[in-house]
Amino acid sequence: MTEEYEYEIGQLIEHRRYGYRGVVVSVDAACQASPEWYEGNLTQPSREQPWCHVLVHGGDHSTYVAQENMREDSGGEQVLHPLVATFFVYFNGGRYTPRKDVSFPRLAP
């Protein structure tokens, strides 16, 4: 299992395949989604790599993305999502600072 995380909570990302932007709110060492969810995933990247929960810019939903399907978003613009203030204190220098008292809900394995 890969233990090296390329992305951190508060970091802006872009999905390599679908092009949407977002902010990382949680990182798992490996895919924690159910086998049924994983089998329904169109791309099915390896489960044995870091996966991130991402708040999607301009939407009101989150996605669960394999590390290999993300790249850093260097645009530095804030993510517009109704839950940003729930997870982050402020935005500065192209990153969000996470709140200490809140975490993203965990998926059931």
PDB file of N, CA and C in Angstrom:
ATOM      1  N   MET A   1       0.841  -1.181   0.000  1.00  0.00           N
ATOM      2  CA  MET A   1       0.000   0.000   0.000  1.00  0.00           C
ATOM      3  C   MET A   1       0.890   1.249   0.000  1.00  0.00           C
ATOM      4  N   THR A   2       0.494   2.223  -0.772  1.00  0.00           N
ATOM      5  CA  THR A   2       1.238   3.470  -0.847  1.00  0.00           C
ATOM      6  C   THR A   2       0.961   4.307   0.389  1.00  0.00           C
ATOM      7  N   GLU A   3       2.007   4.773   1.054  1.00  0.00           N
ATOM      8  CA  GLU A   3       1.847   5.622   2.226  1.00  0.00           C
ATOM      9  C   GLU A   3       2.211   7.071   1.914  1.00  0.00           C
ATOM     10  N   GLU A   4       2.623   7.339   0.692  1.00  0.00           N
ATOM     11  CA  GLU A   4       3.037   8.678   0.313  1.00  0.00           C
ATOM     12  C   GLU A   4       1.843   9.463  -0.213  1.00  0.00           C
ATOM     13  N   TYR A   5       1.520  10.544   0.492  1.00  0.00           N
ATOM     14  CA  TYR A   5       0.402  11.391   0.078  1.00  0.00           C
ATOM     15  C   TYR A   5       0.927  12.569  -0.728  1.00  0.00           C
ATOM     16  N   GLU A   6       0.402  12.733  -1.929  1.00  0.00           N
ATOM     17  CA  GLU A   6       0.797  13.881  -2.760  1.00  0.00           C
ATOM     18  C   GLU A   6      -0.049  15.106  -2.435  1.00  0.00           C
ATOM     19  N   TYR A   7      -1.220  14.888  -1.847  1.00  0.00           N
ATOM     20  CA  TYR A   7      -2.152  15.981  -1.594  1.00  0.00           C
ATOM     21  C   TYR A   7      -2.516  16.031  -0.118  1.00  0.00           C
ATOM     22  N   GLU A   8      -2.785  17.253   0.354  1.00  0.00           N
ATOM     23  CA  GLU A   8      -3.098  17.478   1.759  1.00  0.00           C
ATOM     24  C   GLU A   8      -4.451  18.154   1.894  1.00  0.00           C
ATOM     25  N   ILE A   9      -5.021  18.055   3.081  1.00  0.00           N
ATOM     26  CA  ILE A   9      -6.277  18.738   3.377  1.00  0.00           C
ATOM     27  C   ILE A   9      -6.068  20.237   3.183  1.00  0.00           C
ATOM     28  N   GLY A  10      -6.992  20.851   2.454  1.00  0.00           N
ATOM     29  CA  GLY A  10      -6.914  22.284   2.169  1.00  0.00           C
ATOM     30  C   GLY A  10      -6.279  22.614   0.830  1.00  0.00           C
ATOM     31  N   GLN A  11      -5.702  21.631   0.174  1.00  0.00           N
ATOM     32  CA  GLN A  11      -5.028  21.858  -1.104  1.00  0.00           C
ATOM     33  C   GLN A  11      -6.041  21.877  -2.247  1.00  0.00           C
ATOM     34  N   LEU A  12      -5.813  22.762  -3.213  1.00  0.00           N
ATOM     35  CA  LEU A  12      -6.658  22.846  -4.395  1.00  0.00           C
ATOM     36  C   LEU A  12      -6.196  21.821  -5.421  1.00  0.00           C
ATOM     37  N   ILE A  13      -7.164  21.122  -6.034  1.00  0.00           N
ATOM     38  CA  ILE A  13      -6.823  20.121  -7.042  1.00  0.00           C
ATOM     39  C   ILE A  13      -7.687  20.307  -8.285  1.00  0.00           C
ATOM     40  N   GLU A  14      -7.277  19.629  -9.343  1.00  0.00           N
ATOM     41  CA  GLU A  14      -8.070  19.524 -10.567  1.00  0.00           C
ATOM     42  C   GLU A  14      -8.100  18.046 -10.929  1.00  0.00           C
ATOM     43  N   HIS A  15      -9.253  17.547 -11.356  1.00  0.00           N
ATOM     44  CA  HIS A  15      -9.352  16.152 -11.769  1.00  0.00           C
ATOM     45  C   HIS A  15      -8.733  16.014 -13.160  1.00  0.00           C
ATOM     46  N   ARG A  16      -7.813  15.086 -13.316  1.00  0.00           N
ATOM     47  CA  ARG A  16      -7.090  14.912 -14.589  1.00  0.00           C
ATOM     48  C   ARG A  16      -8.009  14.553 -15.752  1.00  0.00           C
ATOM     49  N   ARG A  17      -8.996  13.733 -15.504  1.00  0.00           N
ATOM     50  CA  ARG A  17      -9.861  13.262 -16.577  1.00  0.00           C
ATOM     51  C   ARG A  17     -11.065  14.164 -16.824  1.00  0.00           C
ATOM     52  N   TYR A  18     -11.697  14.607 -15.739  1.00  0.00           N
ATOM     53  CA  TYR A  18     -12.951  15.352 -15.872  1.00  0.00           C
ATOM     54  C   TYR A  18     -12.800  16.855 -15.775  1.00  0.00           C
ATOM     55  N   GLY A  19     -11.645  17.339 -15.333  1.00  0.00           N
ATOM     56  CA  GLY A  19     -11.339  18.761 -15.374  1.00  0.00           C
ATOM     57  C   GLY A  19     -11.950  19.626 -14.299  1.00  0.00           C
ATOM     58  N   TYR A  20     -12.744  19.064 -13.399  1.00  0.00           N
ATOM     59  CA  TYR A  20     -13.318  19.918 -12.362  1.00  0.00           C
ATOM     60  C   TYR A  20     -12.264  20.273 -11.316  1.00  0.00           C
ATOM     61  N   ARG A  21     -12.478  21.411 -10.657  1.00  0.00           N
ATOM     62  CA  ARG A  21     -11.611  21.878  -9.573  1.00  0.00           C
ATOM     63  C   ARG A  21     -12.262  21.553  -8.244  1.00  0.00           C
ATOM     64  N   GLY A  22     -11.440  21.526  -7.197  1.00  0.00           N
ATOM     65  CA  GLY A  22     -11.992  21.311  -5.872  1.00  0.00           C
ATOM     66  C   GLY A  22     -10.938  21.496  -4.806  1.00  0.00           C
ATOM     67  N   VAL A  23     -11.353  21.239  -3.563  1.00  0.00           N
ATOM     68  CA  VAL A  23     -10.448  21.328  -2.421  1.00  0.00           C
ATOM     69  C   VAL A  23     -10.525  20.009  -1.645  1.00  0.00           C
ATOM     70  N   VAL A  24      -9.365  19.493  -1.250  1.00  0.00           N
ATOM     71  CA  VAL A  24      -9.279  18.242  -0.504  1.00  0.00           C
ATOM     72  C   VAL A  24      -9.741  18.476   0.930  1.00  0.00           C
ATOM     73  N   VAL A  25     -10.713  17.645   1.392  1.00  0.00           N
ATOM     74  CA  VAL A  25     -11.194  17.758   2.766  1.00  0.00           C
ATOM     75  C   VAL A  25     -10.817  16.555   3.634  1.00  0.00           C
ATOM     76  N   SER A  26     -10.377  15.472   3.000  1.00  0.00           N
ATOM     77  CA  SER A  26     -10.003  14.269   3.738  1.00  0.00           C
ATOM     78  C   SER A  26      -9.131  13.398   2.840  1.00  0.00           C
ATOM     79  N   VAL A  27      -8.182  12.670   3.463  1.00  0.00           N
ATOM     80  CA  VAL A  27      -7.304  11.772   2.721  1.00  0.00           C
ATOM     81  C   VAL A  27      -7.307  10.411   3.401  1.00  0.00           C
ATOM     82  N   ASP A  28      -7.531   9.360   2.616  1.00  0.00           N
ATOM     83  CA  ASP A  28      -7.461   7.982   3.102  1.00  0.00           C
ATOM     84  C   ASP A  28      -6.232   7.318   2.492  1.00  0.00           C
ATOM     85  N   ALA A  29      -5.565   6.450   3.247  1.00  0.00           N
ATOM     86  CA  ALA A  29      -4.368   5.764   2.758  1.00  0.00           C
ATOM     87  C   ALA A  29      -4.680   4.828   1.590  1.00  0.00           C
ATOM     88  N   ALA A  30      -5.890   4.327   1.541  1.00  0.00           N
ATOM     89  CA  ALA A  30      -6.360   3.458   0.460  1.00  0.00           C
ATOM     90  C   ALA A  30      -7.869   3.656   0.350  1.00  0.00           C
ATOM     91  N   CYS A  31      -8.449   3.180  -0.720  1.00  0.00           N
ATOM     92  CA  CYS A  31      -9.888   3.350  -0.946  1.00  0.00           C
ATOM     93  C   CYS A  31     -10.690   2.680   0.167  1.00  0.00           C
ATOM     94  N   GLN A  32     -11.570   3.445   0.803  1.00  0.00           N
ATOM     95  CA  GLN A  32     -12.397   2.941   1.890  1.00  0.00           C
ATOM     96  C   GLN A  32     -13.845   2.699   1.457  1.00  0.00           C
ATOM     97  N   ALA A  33     -14.126   2.916   0.185  1.00  0.00           N
ATOM     98  CA  ALA A  33     -15.485   2.729  -0.315  1.00  0.00           C
ATOM     99  C   ALA A  33     -15.815   1.244  -0.413  1.00  0.00           C
ATOM    100  N   SER A  34     -17.091   0.946  -0.415  1.00  0.00           N
ATOM    101  CA  SER A  34     -17.540  -0.446  -0.507  1.00  0.00           C
ATOM    102  C   SER A  34     -17.155  -1.048  -1.863  1.00  0.00           C
ATOM    103  N   PRO A  35     -17.054  -2.359  -1.925  1.00  0.00           N
ATOM    104  CA  PRO A  35     -16.774  -3.011  -3.211  1.00  0.00           C
ATOM    105  C   PRO A  35     -17.831  -2.661  -4.270  1.00  0.00           C
ATOM    106  N   GLU A  36     -19.082  -2.518  -3.843  1.00  0.00           N
ATOM    107  CA  GLU A  36     -20.149  -2.165  -4.783  1.00  0.00           C
ATOM    108  C   GLU A  36     -19.929  -0.777  -5.378  1.00  0.00           C
ATOM    109  N   TRP A  37     -19.558   0.181  -4.515  1.00  0.00           N
ATOM    110  CA  TRP A  37     -19.279   1.533  -5.015  1.00  0.00           C
ATOM    111  C   TRP A  37     -18.109   1.492  -5.988  1.00  0.00           C
ATOM    112  N   TYR A  38     -17.050   0.805  -5.607  1.00  0.00           N
ATOM    113  CA  TYR A  38     -15.852   0.733  -6.440  1.00  0.00           C
ATOM    114  C   TYR A  38     -16.156   0.100  -7.798  1.00  0.00           C
ATOM    115  N   GLU A  39     -16.913  -0.973  -7.811  1.00  0.00           N
ATOM    116  CA  GLU A  39     -17.258  -1.637  -9.078  1.00  0.00           C
ATOM    117  C   GLU A  39     -18.090  -0.727  -9.975  1.00  0.00           C
ATOM    118  N   GLY A  40     -18.848   0.189  -9.392  1.00  0.00           N
ATOM    119  CA  GLY A  40     -19.641   1.140 -10.170  1.00  0.00           C
ATOM    120  C   GLY A  40     -18.852   2.337 -10.668  1.00  0.00           C
ATOM    121  N   ASN A  41     -17.611   2.480 -10.206  1.00  0.00           N
ATOM    122  CA  ASN A  41     -16.749   3.583 -10.623  1.00  0.00           C
ATOM    123  C   ASN A  41     -16.259   3.309 -12.047  1.00  0.00           C
ATOM    124  N   LEU A  42     -16.467   4.242 -12.949  1.00  0.00           N
ATOM    125  CA  LEU A  42     -16.108   4.039 -14.354  1.00  0.00           C
ATOM    126  C   LEU A  42     -14.623   3.806 -14.586  1.00  0.00           C
ATOM    127  N   THR A  43     -13.767   4.479 -13.833  1.00  0.00           N
ATOM    128  CA  THR A  43     -12.326   4.383 -14.101  1.00  0.00           C
ATOM    129  C   THR A  43     -11.632   3.275 -13.319  1.00  0.00           C
ATOM    130  N   GLN A  44     -12.102   2.918 -12.160  1.00  0.00           N
ATOM    131  CA  GLN A  44     -11.549   1.888 -11.281  1.00  0.00           C
ATOM    132  C   GLN A  44     -10.019   1.926 -11.133  1.00  0.00           C
ATOM    133  N   PRO A  45      -9.474   3.060 -10.685  1.00  0.00           N
ATOM    134  CA  PRO A  45      -8.041   3.103 -10.384  1.00  0.00           C
ATOM    135  C   PRO A  45      -7.748   2.201  -9.185  1.00  0.00           C
ATOM    136  N   SER A  46      -6.511   1.893  -8.973  1.00  0.00           N
ATOM    137  CA  SER A  46      -6.123   1.012  -7.879  1.00  0.00           C
ATOM    138  C   SER A  46      -6.687   1.501  -6.548  1.00  0.00           C
ATOM    139  N   ARG A  47      -7.205   0.561  -5.773  1.00  0.00           N
ATOM    140  CA  ARG A  47      -7.693   0.883  -4.426  1.00  0.00           C
ATOM    141  C   ARG A  47      -6.528   1.107  -3.472  1.00  0.00           C
ATOM    142  N   GLU A  48      -5.355   0.576  -3.794  1.00  0.00           N
ATOM    143  CA  GLU A  48      -4.181   0.594  -2.908  1.00  0.00           C
ATOM    144  C   GLU A  48      -3.307   1.822  -3.140  1.00  0.00           C
ATOM    145  N   GLN A  49      -3.917   2.976  -3.078  1.00  0.00           N
ATOM    146  CA  GLN A  49      -3.233   4.265  -3.184  1.00  0.00           C
ATOM    147  C   GLN A  49      -4.073   5.253  -2.385  1.00  0.00           C
ATOM    148  N   PRO A  50      -3.546   6.411  -2.069  1.00  0.00           N
ATOM    149  CA  PRO A  50      -4.369   7.405  -1.364  1.00  0.00           C
ATOM    150  C   PRO A  50      -5.584   7.833  -2.200  1.00  0.00           C
ATOM    151  N   TRP A  51      -6.693   8.011  -1.516  1.00  0.00           N
ATOM    152  CA  TRP A  51      -7.937   8.518  -2.103  1.00  0.00           C
ATOM    153  C   TRP A  51      -8.353   9.736  -1.285  1.00  0.00           C
ATOM    154  N   CYS A  52      -8.907  10.736  -1.957  1.00  0.00           N
ATOM    155  CA  CYS A  52      -9.283  11.992  -1.301  1.00  0.00           C
ATOM    156  C   CYS A  52     -10.757  12.304  -1.490  1.00  0.00           C
ATOM    157  N   HIS A  53     -11.367  12.844  -0.431  1.00  0.00           N
ATOM    158  CA  HIS A  53     -12.692  13.442  -0.537  1.00  0.00           C
ATOM    159  C   HIS A  53     -12.472  14.879  -0.954  1.00  0.00           C
ATOM    160  N   VAL A  54     -13.185  15.311  -1.982  1.00  0.00           N
ATOM    161  CA  VAL A  54     -12.980  16.628  -2.570  1.00  0.00           C
ATOM    162  C   VAL A  54     -14.314  17.362  -2.676  1.00  0.00           C
ATOM    163  N   LEU A  55     -14.358  18.606  -2.168  1.00  0.00           N
ATOM    164  CA  LEU A  55     -15.522  19.469  -2.392  1.00  0.00           C
ATOM    165  C   LEU A  55     -15.365  20.061  -3.788  1.00  0.00           C
ATOM    166  N   VAL A  56     -16.375  19.900  -4.621  1.00  0.00           N
ATOM    167  CA  VAL A  56     -16.308  20.308  -6.023  1.00  0.00           C
ATOM    168  C   VAL A  56     -16.714  21.768  -6.198  1.00  0.00           C
ATOM    169  N   HIS A  57     -15.852  22.535  -6.846  1.00  0.00           N
ATOM    170  CA  HIS A  57     -16.099  23.955  -7.126  1.00  0.00           C
ATOM    171  C   HIS A  57     -17.384  24.124  -7.940  1.00  0.00           C
ATOM    172  N   GLY A  58     -18.208  25.064  -7.495  1.00  0.00           N
ATOM    173  CA  GLY A  58     -19.428  25.400  -8.224  1.00  0.00           C
ATOM    174  C   GLY A  58     -20.568  24.417  -8.019  1.00  0.00           C
ATOM    175  N   GLY A  59     -20.385  23.442  -7.146  1.00  0.00           N
ATOM    176  CA  GLY A  59     -21.430  22.461  -6.876  1.00  0.00           C
ATOM    177  C   GLY A  59     -21.766  22.429  -5.406  1.00  0.00           C
ATOM    178  N   ASP A  60     -22.584  21.444  -5.038  1.00  0.00           N
ATOM    179  CA  ASP A  60     -22.898  21.263  -3.624  1.00  0.00           C
ATOM    180  C   ASP A  60     -22.630  19.820  -3.211  1.00  0.00           C
ATOM    181  N   HIS A  61     -21.768  19.153  -3.959  1.00  0.00           N
ATOM    182  CA  HIS A  61     -21.452  17.754  -3.684  1.00  0.00           C
ATOM    183  C   HIS A  61     -19.948  17.561  -3.512  1.00  0.00           C
ATOM    184  N   SER A  62     -19.590  16.360  -3.061  1.00  0.00           N
ATOM    185  CA  SER A  62     -18.183  15.995  -2.949  1.00  0.00           C
ATOM    186  C   SER A  62     -17.944  14.770  -3.826  1.00  0.00           C
ATOM    187  N   THR A  63     -16.672  14.518  -4.131  1.00  0.00           N
ATOM    188  CA  THR A  63     -16.300  13.325  -4.870  1.00  0.00           C
ATOM    189  C   THR A  63     -15.219  12.590  -4.091  1.00  0.00           C
ATOM    190  N   TYR A  64     -15.003  11.354  -4.451  1.00  0.00           N
ATOM    191  CA  TYR A  64     -13.970  10.513  -3.847  1.00  0.00           C
ATOM    192  C   TYR A  64     -13.026  10.151  -4.978  1.00  0.00           C
ATOM    193  N   VAL A  65     -11.793  10.642  -4.908  1.00  0.00           N
ATOM    194  CA  VAL A  65     -10.885  10.596  -6.061  1.00  0.00           C
ATOM    195  C   VAL A  65      -9.572   9.911  -5.704  1.00  0.00           C
ATOM    196  N   ALA A  66      -9.131   9.019  -6.567  1.00  0.00           N
ATOM    197  CA  ALA A  66      -7.825   8.382  -6.407  1.00  0.00           C
ATOM    198  C   ALA A  66      -6.736   9.414  -6.680  1.00  0.00           C
ATOM    199  N   GLN A  67      -5.660   9.331  -5.912  1.00  0.00           N
ATOM    200  CA  GLN A  67      -4.554  10.269  -6.051  1.00  0.00           C
ATOM    201  C   GLN A  67      -4.062  10.381  -7.501  1.00  0.00           C
ATOM    202  N   GLU A  68      -3.992   9.253  -8.219  1.00  0.00           N
ATOM    203  CA  GLU A  68      -3.475   9.278  -9.593  1.00  0.00           C
ATOM    204  C   GLU A  68      -4.362  10.077 -10.545  1.00  0.00           C
ATOM    205  N   ASN A  69      -5.611  10.329 -10.161  1.00  0.00           N
ATOM    206  CA  ASN A  69      -6.528  11.071 -11.026  1.00  0.00           C
ATOM    207  C   ASN A  69      -6.573  12.566 -10.718  1.00  0.00           C
ATOM    208  N   MET A  70      -5.667  13.025  -9.834  1.00  0.00           N
ATOM    209  CA  MET A  70      -5.658  14.444  -9.485  1.00  0.00           C
ATOM    210  C   MET A  70      -4.334  15.082  -9.880  1.00  0.00           C
ATOM    211  N   ARG A  71      -4.410  16.387 -10.060  1.00  0.00           N
ATOM    212  CA  ARG A  71      -3.198  17.195 -10.204  1.00  0.00           C
ATOM    213  C   ARG A  71      -3.459  18.480  -9.429  1.00  0.00           C
ATOM    214  N   GLU A  72      -2.369  19.132  -9.036  1.00  0.00           N
ATOM    215  CA  GLU A  72      -2.510  20.368  -8.288  1.00  0.00           C
ATOM    216  C   GLU A  72      -3.134  21.440  -9.170  1.00  0.00           C
ATOM    217  N   ASP A  73      -4.080  22.190  -8.604  1.00  0.00           N
ATOM    218  CA  ASP A  73      -4.677  23.332  -9.294  1.00  0.00           C
ATOM    219  C   ASP A  73      -3.867  24.553  -8.905  1.00  0.00           C
ATOM    220  N   SER A  74      -3.119  25.068  -9.843  1.00  0.00           N
ATOM    221  CA  SER A  74      -2.224  26.186  -9.544  1.00  0.00           C
ATOM    222  C   SER A  74      -2.862  27.549  -9.794  1.00  0.00           C
ATOM    223  N   GLY A  75      -4.160  27.577 -10.125  1.00  0.00           N
ATOM    224  CA  GLY A  75      -4.834  28.844 -10.386  1.00  0.00           C
ATOM    225  C   GLY A  75      -4.955  29.726  -9.157  1.00  0.00           C
ATOM    226  N   GLY A  76      -5.007  29.113  -7.988  1.00  0.00           N
ATOM    227  CA  GLY A  76      -5.043  29.869  -6.744  1.00  0.00           C
ATOM    228  C   GLY A  76      -6.351  30.534  -6.403  1.00  0.00           C
ATOM    229  N   GLU A  77      -7.427  30.204  -7.130  1.00  0.00           N
ATOM    230  CA  GLU A  77      -8.722  30.815  -6.852  1.00  0.00           C
ATOM    231  C   GLU A  77      -9.523  29.959  -5.881  1.00  0.00           C
ATOM    232  N   GLN A  78     -10.292  30.620  -5.023  1.00  0.00           N
ATOM    233  CA  GLN A  78     -11.098  29.916  -4.030  1.00  0.00           C
ATOM    234  C   GLN A  78     -12.112  28.983  -4.685  1.00  0.00           C
ATOM    235  N   VAL A  79     -12.477  27.954  -3.941  1.00  0.00           N
ATOM    236  CA  VAL A  79     -13.501  27.011  -4.376  1.00  0.00           C
ATOM    237  C   VAL A  79     -14.846  27.501  -3.837  1.00  0.00           C
ATOM    238  N   LEU A  80     -15.819  27.602  -4.711  1.00  0.00           N
ATOM    239  CA  LEU A  80     -17.164  28.005  -4.312  1.00  0.00           C
ATOM    240  C   LEU A  80     -17.977  26.742  -4.042  1.00  0.00           C
ATOM    241  N   HIS A  81     -18.242  26.509  -2.764  1.00  0.00           N
ATOM    242  CA  HIS A  81     -18.990  25.325  -2.333  1.00  0.00           C
ATOM    243  C   HIS A  81     -19.611  25.672  -0.980  1.00  0.00           C
ATOM    244  N   PRO A  82     -20.868  25.281  -0.746  1.00  0.00           N
ATOM    245  CA  PRO A  82     -21.525  25.667   0.508  1.00  0.00           C
ATOM    246  C   PRO A  82     -20.888  25.095   1.774  1.00  0.00           C
ATOM    247  N   LEU A  83     -20.063  24.048   1.676  1.00  0.00           N
ATOM    248  CA  LEU A  83     -19.459  23.449   2.870  1.00  0.00           C
ATOM    249  C   LEU A  83     -18.031  23.917   3.150  1.00  0.00           C
ATOM    250  N   VAL A  84     -17.494  24.800   2.339  1.00  0.00           N
ATOM    251  CA  VAL A  84     -16.119  25.269   2.561  1.00  0.00           C
ATOM    252  C   VAL A  84     -15.954  25.825   3.977  1.00  0.00           C
ATOM    253  N   ALA A  85     -16.865  26.668   4.413  1.00  0.00           N
ATOM    254  CA  ALA A  85     -16.747  27.281   5.743  1.00  0.00           C
ATOM    255  C   ALA A  85     -16.919  26.262   6.875  1.00  0.00           C
ATOM    256  N   THR A  86     -17.539  25.134   6.594  1.00  0.00           N
ATOM    257  CA  THR A  86     -17.685  24.080   7.594  1.00  0.00           C
ATOM    258  C   THR A  86     -16.339  23.423   7.903  1.00  0.00           C
ATOM    259  N   PHE A  87     -15.502  23.250   6.876  1.00  0.00           N
ATOM    260  CA  PHE A  87     -14.246  22.516   7.022  1.00  0.00           C
ATOM    261  C   PHE A  87     -13.002  23.389   7.143  1.00  0.00           C
ATOM    262  N   PHE A  88     -13.111  24.668   6.718  1.00  0.00           N
ATOM    263  CA  PHE A  88     -11.917  25.511   6.667  1.00  0.00           C
ATOM    264  C   PHE A  88     -12.133  26.851   7.351  1.00  0.00           C
ATOM    265  N   VAL A  89     -11.050  27.372   7.945  1.00  0.00           N
ATOM    266  CA  VAL A  89     -11.092  28.642   8.664  1.00  0.00           C
ATOM    267  C   VAL A  89     -10.941  29.810   7.705  1.00  0.00           C
ATOM    268  N   TYR A  90      -9.914  29.759   6.848  1.00  0.00           N
ATOM    269  CA  TYR A  90      -9.704  30.834   5.879  1.00  0.00           C
ATOM    270  C   TYR A  90      -8.888  30.335   4.700  1.00  0.00           C
ATOM    271  N   PHE A  91      -8.816  31.179   3.676  1.00  0.00           N
ATOM    272  CA  PHE A  91      -8.103  30.889   2.432  1.00  0.00           C
ATOM    273  C   PHE A  91      -6.980  31.902   2.303  1.00  0.00           C
ATOM    274  N   ASN A  92      -5.749  31.413   2.078  1.00  0.00           N
ATOM    275  CA  ASN A  92      -4.607  32.307   1.957  1.00  0.00           C
ATOM    276  C   ASN A  92      -3.521  31.610   1.144  1.00  0.00           C
ATOM    277  N   GLY A  93      -2.945  32.319   0.193  1.00  0.00           N
ATOM    278  CA  GLY A  93      -1.845  31.777  -0.586  1.00  0.00           C
ATOM    279  C   GLY A  93      -2.205  30.558  -1.415  1.00  0.00           C
ATOM    280  N   GLY A  94      -3.451  30.486  -1.873  1.00  0.00           N
ATOM    281  CA  GLY A  94      -3.872  29.372  -2.710  1.00  0.00           C
ATOM    282  C   GLY A  94      -4.200  28.091  -1.955  1.00  0.00           C
ATOM    283  N   ARG A  95      -4.383  28.176  -0.628  1.00  0.00           N
ATOM    284  CA  ARG A  95      -4.708  27.007   0.209  1.00  0.00           C
ATOM    285  C   ARG A  95      -5.743  27.381   1.260  1.00  0.00           C
ATOM    286  N   TYR A  96      -6.447  26.389   1.700  1.00  0.00           N
ATOM    287  CA  TYR A  96      -7.373  26.557   2.811  1.00  0.00           C
ATOM    288  C   TYR A  96      -6.727  26.022   4.086  1.00  0.00           C
ATOM    289  N   THR A  97      -7.011  26.688   5.201  1.00  0.00           N
ATOM    290  CA  THR A  97      -6.548  26.225   6.509  1.00  0.00           C
ATOM    291  C   THR A  97      -7.700  25.452   7.151  1.00  0.00           C
ATOM    292  N   PRO A  98      -7.465  24.152   7.460  1.00  0.00           N
ATOM    293  CA  PRO A  98      -8.555  23.342   8.023  1.00  0.00           C
ATOM    294  C   PRO A  98      -8.916  23.739   9.447  1.00  0.00           C
ATOM    295  N   ARG A  99     -10.196  23.578   9.773  1.00  0.00           N
ATOM    296  CA  ARG A  99     -10.661  23.748  11.151  1.00  0.00           C
ATOM    297  C   ARG A  99     -10.138  22.564  11.951  1.00  0.00           C
ATOM    298  N   LYS A 100      -9.802  22.797  13.184  1.00  0.00           N
ATOM    299  CA  LYS A 100      -9.272  21.743  14.059  1.00  0.00           C
ATOM    300  C   LYS A 100     -10.386  20.871  14.646  1.00  0.00           C
ATOM    301  N   ASP A 101     -11.599  21.423  14.724  1.00  0.00           N
ATOM    302  CA  ASP A 101     -12.686  20.751  15.435  1.00  0.00           C
ATOM    303  C   ASP A 101     -13.679  20.013  14.544  1.00  0.00           C
ATOM    304  N   VAL A 102     -13.359  19.824  13.257  1.00  0.00           N
ATOM    305  CA  VAL A 102     -14.301  19.167  12.356  1.00  0.00           C
ATOM    306  C   VAL A 102     -13.534  18.274  11.381  1.00  0.00           C
ATOM    307  N   SER A 103     -14.142  17.147  11.030  1.00  0.00           N
ATOM    308  CA  SER A 103     -13.528  16.266  10.042  1.00  0.00           C
ATOM    309  C   SER A 103     -14.615  15.734   9.109  1.00  0.00           C
ATOM    310  N   PHE A 104     -14.184  15.306   7.947  1.00  0.00           N
ATOM    311  CA  PHE A 104     -15.112  14.778   6.951  1.00  0.00           C
ATOM    312  C   PHE A 104     -15.643  13.440   7.438  1.00  0.00           C
ATOM    313  N   PRO A 105     -16.943  13.163   7.256  1.00  0.00           N
ATOM    314  CA  PRO A 105     -17.487  11.867   7.692  1.00  0.00           C
ATOM    315  C   PRO A 105     -16.764  10.712   7.005  1.00  0.00           C
ATOM    316  N   ARG A 106     -16.475   9.667   7.750  1.00  0.00           N
ATOM    317  CA  ARG A 106     -15.771   8.493   7.212  1.00  0.00           C
ATOM    318  C   ARG A 106     -16.735   7.598   6.461  1.00  0.00           C
ATOM    319  N   LEU A 107     -16.248   6.974   5.402  1.00  0.00           N
ATOM    320  CA  LEU A 107     -17.048   6.016   4.658  1.00  0.00           C
ATOM    321  C   LEU A 107     -17.038   4.668   5.367  1.00  0.00           C
ATOM    322  N   ALA A 108     -18.104   3.931   5.238  1.00  0.00           N
ATOM    323  CA  ALA A 108     -18.125   2.571   5.769  1.00  0.00           C
ATOM    324  C   ALA A 108     -17.386   1.677   4.784  1.00  0.00           C
ATOM    325  N   PRO A 109     -16.427   0.889   5.239  1.00  0.00           N
ATOM    326  CA  PRO A 109     -15.669   0.006   4.321  1.00  0.00           C
ATOM    327  C   PRO A 109     -16.533  -1.061   3.702  1.00  0.00           C
TER     328      PRO A 109
END
